N, C-alpha and C. Protein backbone atom coordinates (compact mmCIF):
# COMPACT_ATOMS: atom_id res chain seq x y z
N MET A 1 -1.67 17.37 2.46
CA MET A 1 -2.50 18.40 1.88
C MET A 1 -3.62 17.78 1.04
N PHE A 2 -3.28 16.71 0.30
CA PHE A 2 -4.28 16.04 -0.53
C PHE A 2 -5.41 15.50 0.33
N LEU A 3 -5.08 14.81 1.41
CA LEU A 3 -6.11 14.25 2.28
C LEU A 3 -6.92 15.35 2.97
N LYS A 4 -6.26 16.41 3.33
CA LYS A 4 -6.96 17.53 3.97
C LYS A 4 -8.02 18.10 3.03
N ARG A 5 -7.67 18.28 1.77
CA ARG A 5 -8.63 18.79 0.79
C ARG A 5 -9.74 17.79 0.52
N LEU A 6 -9.37 16.52 0.44
CA LEU A 6 -10.34 15.47 0.17
C LEU A 6 -11.36 15.36 1.31
N ASN A 7 -10.92 15.64 2.52
CA ASN A 7 -11.77 15.48 3.69
C ASN A 7 -12.42 16.78 4.17
N THR A 8 -12.52 17.78 3.30
CA THR A 8 -13.16 19.03 3.72
C THR A 8 -14.61 18.80 4.13
N GLU A 9 -15.25 17.83 3.51
CA GLU A 9 -16.60 17.42 3.90
C GLU A 9 -16.60 15.92 4.08
N GLN A 10 -17.24 15.44 5.15
CA GLN A 10 -17.32 14.01 5.36
C GLN A 10 -18.23 13.38 4.33
N GLU A 11 -17.74 12.31 3.72
CA GLU A 11 -18.55 11.59 2.73
C GLU A 11 -19.44 10.58 3.43
N GLU A 12 -20.51 10.22 2.76
CA GLU A 12 -21.44 9.23 3.29
C GLU A 12 -21.42 7.98 2.41
N HIS A 13 -21.19 6.84 3.04
CA HIS A 13 -21.22 5.54 2.37
C HIS A 13 -21.85 4.54 3.33
N ILE A 14 -22.61 3.63 2.82
CA ILE A 14 -23.27 2.54 3.58
C ILE A 14 -23.88 3.00 4.90
N GLY A 15 -24.46 4.18 4.89
CA GLY A 15 -25.15 4.69 6.06
C GLY A 15 -24.27 5.31 7.13
N PHE A 16 -23.01 5.59 6.80
CA PHE A 16 -22.08 6.21 7.75
C PHE A 16 -21.41 7.40 7.12
N LYS A 17 -21.08 8.39 7.95
CA LYS A 17 -20.19 9.46 7.54
C LYS A 17 -18.77 8.97 7.83
N GLY A 18 -17.82 9.46 7.06
CA GLY A 18 -16.46 9.02 7.28
C GLY A 18 -15.46 9.91 6.59
N TYR A 19 -14.21 9.48 6.61
CA TYR A 19 -13.13 10.27 6.03
C TYR A 19 -12.10 9.35 5.37
N TRP A 20 -11.28 9.95 4.52
CA TRP A 20 -10.23 9.25 3.81
C TRP A 20 -8.91 9.41 4.55
N ARG A 21 -8.09 8.35 4.51
CA ARG A 21 -6.78 8.38 5.16
C ARG A 21 -5.86 7.37 4.48
N LEU A 22 -4.59 7.42 4.82
CA LEU A 22 -3.64 6.41 4.38
C LEU A 22 -3.74 5.21 5.31
N PRO A 23 -3.50 4.00 4.81
CA PRO A 23 -3.50 2.84 5.71
C PRO A 23 -2.24 2.83 6.56
N SER A 24 -2.31 2.15 7.70
CA SER A 24 -1.09 1.91 8.47
C SER A 24 -0.30 0.83 7.74
N GLU A 25 0.94 0.66 8.12
CA GLU A 25 1.75 -0.40 7.52
C GLU A 25 1.12 -1.77 7.76
N THR A 26 0.61 -2.00 8.95
CA THR A 26 -0.02 -3.27 9.28
C THR A 26 -1.28 -3.50 8.46
N GLU A 27 -2.12 -2.49 8.31
CA GLU A 27 -3.33 -2.62 7.49
C GLU A 27 -2.98 -2.94 6.05
N TRP A 28 -2.00 -2.22 5.50
CA TRP A 28 -1.61 -2.44 4.12
C TRP A 28 -1.15 -3.88 3.91
N GLU A 29 -0.29 -4.35 4.79
CA GLU A 29 0.25 -5.70 4.64
C GLU A 29 -0.83 -6.77 4.82
N TYR A 30 -1.77 -6.54 5.71
CA TYR A 30 -2.88 -7.47 5.91
C TYR A 30 -3.68 -7.65 4.63
N VAL A 31 -3.97 -6.55 3.97
CA VAL A 31 -4.73 -6.60 2.71
C VAL A 31 -3.88 -7.21 1.60
N ALA A 32 -2.61 -6.89 1.56
CA ALA A 32 -1.73 -7.44 0.52
C ALA A 32 -1.62 -8.96 0.64
N LYS A 33 -1.51 -9.46 1.86
CA LYS A 33 -1.38 -10.90 2.07
C LYS A 33 -2.69 -11.64 1.82
N ALA A 34 -3.79 -10.98 2.03
CA ALA A 34 -5.13 -11.53 1.73
C ALA A 34 -5.32 -12.93 2.35
N GLY A 35 -4.96 -13.06 3.61
CA GLY A 35 -5.18 -14.32 4.30
C GLY A 35 -4.13 -15.39 4.04
N THR A 36 -3.08 -15.06 3.31
CA THR A 36 -2.03 -16.03 3.02
C THR A 36 -0.84 -15.81 3.95
N ASN A 37 0.10 -16.74 3.95
CA ASN A 37 1.33 -16.55 4.73
C ASN A 37 2.55 -16.82 3.85
N THR A 38 2.41 -16.57 2.57
CA THR A 38 3.48 -16.77 1.59
C THR A 38 4.15 -15.43 1.28
N ARG A 39 5.23 -15.47 0.49
CA ARG A 39 5.97 -14.24 0.15
C ARG A 39 5.09 -13.23 -0.58
N TRP A 40 4.26 -13.71 -1.47
CA TRP A 40 3.28 -12.89 -2.18
C TRP A 40 1.91 -13.52 -1.96
N SER A 41 0.85 -12.82 -2.23
CA SER A 41 -0.49 -13.36 -2.00
C SER A 41 -0.79 -14.56 -2.91
N PHE A 42 -0.04 -14.71 -4.00
CA PHE A 42 -0.27 -15.81 -4.94
C PHE A 42 0.66 -17.00 -4.68
N GLY A 43 1.60 -16.89 -3.75
CA GLY A 43 2.50 -18.00 -3.45
C GLY A 43 3.93 -17.55 -3.24
N ASN A 44 4.86 -18.50 -3.36
CA ASN A 44 6.28 -18.23 -3.09
C ASN A 44 7.16 -18.19 -4.33
N LYS A 45 6.60 -18.48 -5.50
CA LYS A 45 7.41 -18.55 -6.72
C LYS A 45 7.49 -17.20 -7.41
N ASP A 46 8.69 -16.67 -7.47
CA ASP A 46 8.84 -15.37 -8.11
C ASP A 46 8.63 -15.47 -9.62
N SER A 47 8.65 -16.69 -10.16
CA SER A 47 8.36 -16.88 -11.59
C SER A 47 6.89 -16.59 -11.92
N GLU A 48 6.03 -16.53 -10.91
CA GLU A 48 4.60 -16.24 -11.12
C GLU A 48 4.27 -14.76 -10.95
N LEU A 49 5.27 -13.96 -10.58
CA LEU A 49 5.04 -12.54 -10.30
C LEU A 49 4.57 -11.76 -11.52
N ASP A 50 5.06 -12.08 -12.71
CA ASP A 50 4.68 -11.33 -13.91
C ASP A 50 3.17 -11.26 -14.10
N ALA A 51 2.45 -12.29 -13.70
CA ALA A 51 0.99 -12.30 -13.87
C ALA A 51 0.28 -11.43 -12.84
N HIS A 52 0.99 -11.04 -11.78
CA HIS A 52 0.35 -10.34 -10.66
C HIS A 52 0.84 -8.91 -10.44
N GLY A 53 1.99 -8.55 -11.00
CA GLY A 53 2.49 -7.21 -10.72
C GLY A 53 3.53 -6.73 -11.71
N TRP A 54 3.65 -5.39 -11.78
CA TRP A 54 4.67 -4.75 -12.59
C TRP A 54 5.91 -4.54 -11.74
N HIS A 55 7.06 -4.93 -12.28
CA HIS A 55 8.34 -4.80 -11.58
C HIS A 55 9.42 -4.55 -12.62
N ALA A 56 10.67 -4.44 -12.19
CA ALA A 56 11.76 -4.11 -13.11
C ALA A 56 11.91 -5.11 -14.25
N GLY A 57 11.54 -6.34 -14.03
CA GLY A 57 11.71 -7.37 -15.04
C GLY A 57 10.65 -7.40 -16.13
N ASN A 58 9.52 -6.70 -15.94
CA ASN A 58 8.47 -6.77 -16.96
C ASN A 58 7.80 -5.43 -17.29
N SER A 59 8.24 -4.36 -16.66
CA SER A 59 7.53 -3.08 -16.82
C SER A 59 7.96 -2.27 -18.04
N GLY A 60 9.08 -2.63 -18.65
CA GLY A 60 9.57 -1.80 -19.76
C GLY A 60 10.11 -0.47 -19.27
N ALA A 61 10.53 -0.42 -18.00
CA ALA A 61 11.12 0.77 -17.39
C ALA A 61 10.19 1.98 -17.37
N THR A 62 8.90 1.73 -17.11
CA THR A 62 7.94 2.83 -17.02
C THR A 62 6.75 2.43 -16.16
N THR A 63 6.06 3.42 -15.62
CA THR A 63 4.83 3.17 -14.88
C THR A 63 3.81 2.56 -15.84
N ARG A 64 3.04 1.62 -15.36
CA ARG A 64 2.10 0.88 -16.20
C ARG A 64 0.66 1.13 -15.79
N GLU A 65 -0.26 0.49 -16.49
CA GLU A 65 -1.68 0.67 -16.29
C GLU A 65 -2.14 0.02 -14.98
N VAL A 66 -2.96 0.72 -14.24
CA VAL A 66 -3.55 0.20 -13.00
C VAL A 66 -4.55 -0.90 -13.32
N GLY A 67 -4.53 -1.98 -12.56
CA GLY A 67 -5.52 -3.04 -12.69
C GLY A 67 -5.35 -3.96 -13.87
N SER A 68 -4.20 -3.96 -14.51
CA SER A 68 -4.01 -4.79 -15.69
C SER A 68 -3.38 -6.16 -15.38
N LYS A 69 -3.07 -6.41 -14.12
CA LYS A 69 -2.55 -7.71 -13.69
C LYS A 69 -3.61 -8.39 -12.82
N LYS A 70 -3.37 -9.64 -12.44
CA LYS A 70 -4.33 -10.38 -11.62
C LYS A 70 -4.47 -9.76 -10.23
N ALA A 71 -5.68 -9.81 -9.70
CA ALA A 71 -5.95 -9.32 -8.35
C ALA A 71 -5.50 -10.35 -7.32
N ASN A 72 -5.34 -9.91 -6.06
CA ASN A 72 -5.03 -10.88 -5.00
C ASN A 72 -6.32 -11.63 -4.64
N PRO A 73 -6.26 -12.62 -3.75
CA PRO A 73 -7.45 -13.42 -3.43
C PRO A 73 -8.65 -12.61 -2.92
N TRP A 74 -8.42 -11.42 -2.40
CA TRP A 74 -9.52 -10.59 -1.92
C TRP A 74 -9.98 -9.58 -2.96
N GLY A 75 -9.43 -9.62 -4.16
CA GLY A 75 -9.87 -8.75 -5.23
C GLY A 75 -9.14 -7.42 -5.34
N PHE A 76 -8.04 -7.24 -4.61
CA PHE A 76 -7.27 -5.99 -4.69
C PHE A 76 -6.19 -6.11 -5.76
N PHE A 77 -6.12 -5.11 -6.62
CA PHE A 77 -5.14 -5.08 -7.70
C PHE A 77 -3.89 -4.33 -7.28
N ASP A 78 -2.79 -4.66 -7.92
CA ASP A 78 -1.54 -3.90 -7.83
C ASP A 78 -0.95 -3.81 -6.43
N MET A 79 -1.10 -4.87 -5.64
CA MET A 79 -0.48 -4.89 -4.32
C MET A 79 0.99 -5.26 -4.41
N HIS A 80 1.40 -5.90 -5.49
CA HIS A 80 2.79 -6.32 -5.70
C HIS A 80 3.34 -5.59 -6.92
N GLY A 81 4.11 -4.54 -6.69
CA GLY A 81 4.69 -3.78 -7.78
C GLY A 81 3.83 -2.60 -8.19
N LEU A 82 4.09 -2.07 -9.35
CA LEU A 82 3.50 -0.88 -9.94
C LEU A 82 4.08 0.37 -9.29
N VAL A 83 3.62 0.76 -8.09
CA VAL A 83 4.22 1.89 -7.36
C VAL A 83 4.32 1.55 -5.89
N HIS A 84 5.35 2.10 -5.23
CA HIS A 84 5.44 2.01 -3.78
C HIS A 84 4.27 2.80 -3.21
N GLU A 85 3.54 2.23 -2.28
CA GLU A 85 2.37 2.90 -1.72
C GLU A 85 2.67 3.42 -0.32
N MET A 86 2.45 4.71 -0.14
CA MET A 86 2.70 5.36 1.14
C MET A 86 1.77 4.82 2.22
N THR A 87 2.28 4.70 3.43
CA THR A 87 1.45 4.37 4.58
C THR A 87 1.52 5.55 5.55
N SER A 88 0.73 5.48 6.60
CA SER A 88 0.73 6.54 7.60
C SER A 88 1.81 6.34 8.65
N ASP A 89 2.55 5.24 8.59
CA ASP A 89 3.59 4.97 9.58
C ASP A 89 4.88 5.70 9.27
N THR A 90 5.49 6.28 10.30
CA THR A 90 6.81 6.85 10.13
C THR A 90 7.82 5.71 10.12
N TRP A 91 8.94 5.95 9.48
CA TRP A 91 9.96 4.93 9.27
C TRP A 91 10.66 4.56 10.58
N LEU A 92 10.70 3.28 10.85
CA LEU A 92 11.55 2.69 11.87
C LEU A 92 12.28 1.55 11.17
N PRO A 93 13.54 1.30 11.52
CA PRO A 93 14.29 0.26 10.81
C PRO A 93 13.65 -1.13 10.88
N SER A 94 12.94 -1.43 11.96
CA SER A 94 12.30 -2.74 12.10
C SER A 94 10.80 -2.55 12.22
N HIS A 95 10.05 -3.48 11.67
CA HIS A 95 8.60 -3.41 11.81
C HIS A 95 8.05 -4.58 12.60
N THR A 96 8.90 -5.26 13.36
CA THR A 96 8.45 -6.43 14.11
C THR A 96 7.42 -6.07 15.17
N ASP A 97 7.52 -4.91 15.78
CA ASP A 97 6.55 -4.51 16.81
C ASP A 97 5.22 -4.07 16.22
N ARG A 98 5.16 -3.81 14.95
CA ARG A 98 3.95 -3.27 14.33
C ARG A 98 2.90 -4.32 14.03
N HIS A 99 3.27 -5.57 13.95
CA HIS A 99 2.30 -6.59 13.55
C HIS A 99 1.23 -6.84 14.60
N GLN A 100 1.36 -6.28 15.75
CA GLN A 100 0.34 -6.44 16.79
C GLN A 100 -0.59 -5.25 16.86
N GLN A 101 -0.36 -4.23 16.01
CA GLN A 101 -1.13 -3.00 16.07
C GLN A 101 -1.69 -2.63 14.72
N GLN A 102 -2.94 -2.23 14.71
CA GLN A 102 -3.56 -1.77 13.47
C GLN A 102 -3.22 -0.31 13.21
N ASN A 103 -3.20 0.50 14.26
CA ASN A 103 -2.98 1.93 14.09
C ASN A 103 -1.54 2.22 13.72
N SER A 104 -1.33 3.33 13.04
CA SER A 104 0.02 3.69 12.63
C SER A 104 0.87 4.05 13.85
N ILE A 105 2.16 3.91 13.66
CA ILE A 105 3.12 4.20 14.73
C ILE A 105 3.96 5.38 14.29
N GLY A 106 4.22 6.28 15.22
CA GLY A 106 5.09 7.40 14.92
C GLY A 106 4.30 8.69 14.83
N SER A 107 5.05 9.76 14.76
CA SER A 107 4.46 11.08 14.64
C SER A 107 4.94 11.68 13.33
N VAL A 108 4.69 12.95 13.14
CA VAL A 108 5.13 13.60 11.91
C VAL A 108 6.66 13.49 11.86
N ASP A 109 7.16 13.00 10.76
CA ASP A 109 8.59 12.78 10.61
C ASP A 109 8.96 13.03 9.16
N GLU A 110 10.24 12.98 8.86
CA GLU A 110 10.72 13.19 7.51
C GLU A 110 10.50 11.96 6.62
N TYR A 111 10.54 10.76 7.21
CA TYR A 111 10.47 9.53 6.43
C TYR A 111 9.28 8.67 6.84
N TYR A 112 8.66 8.08 5.82
CA TYR A 112 7.51 7.21 6.04
C TYR A 112 7.77 5.84 5.41
N VAL A 113 6.95 4.88 5.77
CA VAL A 113 7.04 3.54 5.21
C VAL A 113 6.20 3.46 3.95
N ALA A 114 6.80 2.93 2.89
CA ALA A 114 6.07 2.65 1.65
C ALA A 114 6.12 1.14 1.44
N LYS A 115 5.05 0.60 0.87
CA LYS A 115 4.92 -0.85 0.71
C LYS A 115 4.66 -1.22 -0.75
N GLY A 116 4.93 -2.47 -1.10
CA GLY A 116 4.50 -3.03 -2.36
C GLY A 116 5.49 -3.08 -3.50
N GLY A 117 6.63 -2.40 -3.37
CA GLY A 117 7.55 -2.38 -4.49
C GLY A 117 7.02 -1.51 -5.63
N SER A 118 7.73 -1.50 -6.73
CA SER A 118 7.30 -0.66 -7.85
C SER A 118 7.80 -1.22 -9.17
N TRP A 119 7.47 -0.52 -10.24
CA TRP A 119 7.85 -0.92 -11.59
C TRP A 119 9.36 -0.91 -11.78
N PHE A 120 10.12 -0.21 -10.94
CA PHE A 120 11.58 -0.14 -11.12
C PHE A 120 12.35 -0.96 -10.09
N THR A 121 11.66 -1.75 -9.25
CA THR A 121 12.36 -2.58 -8.27
C THR A 121 12.35 -4.05 -8.69
N GLU A 122 13.30 -4.77 -8.18
CA GLU A 122 13.39 -6.21 -8.47
C GLU A 122 12.28 -6.95 -7.73
N SER A 123 12.05 -8.18 -8.13
CA SER A 123 10.91 -8.95 -7.63
C SER A 123 10.86 -9.07 -6.11
N ASP A 124 11.99 -9.25 -5.45
CA ASP A 124 11.98 -9.43 -4.00
C ASP A 124 11.41 -8.21 -3.28
N SER A 125 11.54 -7.04 -3.87
CA SER A 125 11.01 -5.81 -3.27
C SER A 125 9.50 -5.70 -3.37
N THR A 126 8.86 -6.60 -4.11
CA THR A 126 7.40 -6.56 -4.25
C THR A 126 6.69 -7.52 -3.30
N ARG A 127 7.45 -8.23 -2.46
CA ARG A 127 6.83 -9.16 -1.50
C ARG A 127 5.85 -8.41 -0.59
N SER A 128 4.90 -9.14 -0.04
CA SER A 128 3.90 -8.53 0.84
C SER A 128 4.53 -7.84 2.04
N SER A 129 5.62 -8.39 2.57
CA SER A 129 6.23 -7.81 3.77
C SER A 129 7.36 -6.83 3.46
N SER A 130 7.69 -6.64 2.19
CA SER A 130 8.75 -5.73 1.83
C SER A 130 8.35 -4.29 2.18
N ARG A 131 9.33 -3.50 2.54
CA ARG A 131 9.08 -2.11 2.93
C ARG A 131 10.23 -1.23 2.48
N ARG A 132 9.93 0.05 2.34
CA ARG A 132 10.93 1.00 1.87
C ARG A 132 10.76 2.31 2.63
N ARG A 133 11.87 2.99 2.86
CA ARG A 133 11.86 4.30 3.50
C ARG A 133 11.71 5.35 2.40
N VAL A 134 10.72 6.22 2.56
CA VAL A 134 10.44 7.27 1.57
C VAL A 134 10.33 8.61 2.29
N HIS A 135 11.00 9.60 1.76
CA HIS A 135 10.93 10.94 2.33
C HIS A 135 9.54 11.52 2.07
N ARG A 136 9.00 12.22 3.03
CA ARG A 136 7.63 12.73 2.91
C ARG A 136 7.44 13.72 1.76
N LYS A 137 8.51 14.31 1.29
CA LYS A 137 8.40 15.26 0.18
C LYS A 137 8.76 14.65 -1.17
N ASP A 138 9.06 13.35 -1.21
CA ASP A 138 9.39 12.70 -2.49
C ASP A 138 8.21 12.77 -3.44
N ARG A 139 8.49 13.14 -4.68
CA ARG A 139 7.48 13.18 -5.74
C ARG A 139 8.07 12.47 -6.94
N LYS A 140 7.73 11.19 -7.10
CA LYS A 140 8.29 10.38 -8.18
C LYS A 140 7.20 9.51 -8.78
N ASP A 141 7.41 9.08 -10.02
CA ASP A 141 6.40 8.24 -10.65
C ASP A 141 6.39 6.81 -10.12
N GLY A 142 7.28 6.47 -9.22
CA GLY A 142 7.27 5.15 -8.59
C GLY A 142 6.69 5.16 -7.19
N ILE A 143 6.11 6.29 -6.78
CA ILE A 143 5.51 6.42 -5.45
C ILE A 143 4.06 6.84 -5.61
N GLY A 144 3.18 6.16 -4.90
CA GLY A 144 1.76 6.48 -4.98
C GLY A 144 1.09 6.24 -3.65
N LEU A 145 -0.22 6.10 -3.69
CA LEU A 145 -0.96 5.85 -2.45
C LEU A 145 -2.22 5.07 -2.75
N ARG A 146 -2.71 4.44 -1.72
CA ARG A 146 -3.97 3.70 -1.75
C ARG A 146 -4.73 4.19 -0.54
N LEU A 147 -5.89 4.75 -0.75
CA LEU A 147 -6.64 5.35 0.36
C LEU A 147 -7.55 4.35 1.06
N VAL A 148 -7.80 4.64 2.33
CA VAL A 148 -8.76 3.89 3.14
C VAL A 148 -9.88 4.86 3.50
N TRP A 149 -11.12 4.42 3.36
CA TRP A 149 -12.23 5.22 3.82
C TRP A 149 -12.66 4.64 5.17
N GLU A 150 -12.64 5.48 6.20
CA GLU A 150 -12.96 5.02 7.55
C GLU A 150 -14.27 5.65 8.03
N PRO A 151 -15.26 4.82 8.37
CA PRO A 151 -16.51 5.38 8.91
C PRO A 151 -16.25 6.02 10.26
N SER A 152 -16.92 7.13 10.54
CA SER A 152 -16.72 7.81 11.82
C SER A 152 -18.00 7.92 12.64
N GLU A 153 -19.16 7.98 11.97
CA GLU A 153 -20.43 8.09 12.72
C GLU A 153 -21.60 7.70 11.83
N PRO A 154 -22.63 7.13 12.42
CA PRO A 154 -23.83 6.80 11.63
C PRO A 154 -24.49 8.07 11.12
N VAL A 155 -25.13 7.98 9.96
CA VAL A 155 -25.87 9.11 9.41
C VAL A 155 -27.16 9.25 10.21
N ALA A 156 -27.45 10.46 10.62
CA ALA A 156 -28.64 10.69 11.45
C ALA A 156 -29.92 10.58 10.65
């Protein structure tokens, strides 16, 4: 419903009309990894996570401020922890087949894939490839979203 309201009129950016949507699981993970192949975009040491994300070990058991930790190498904040971010993919137990596809997989379903971990999860849940099953009607302070703006046509 939020996206439907947001997209009542196509927005114009950089000479294109477009619309807002949720990223696919593959798109989200690509941006989170930011060209790296480590557990997190900053490396493999969970001792370095405090500088990059909010999780159960440093959040004080509450949602924290957006953008107050270090960004990933591509300049994106809060990819590791803070809130689980919804994707457009429906939940499947394995995501091995998804790494070859940019578009989301699945149809309207009860459960979707959320990425990134949150302020109430342990460090391992904040890895770039970590994923969680979230019911589409869940409304919690540990679940959020990150929107993608997709161009659809050049401005005439």
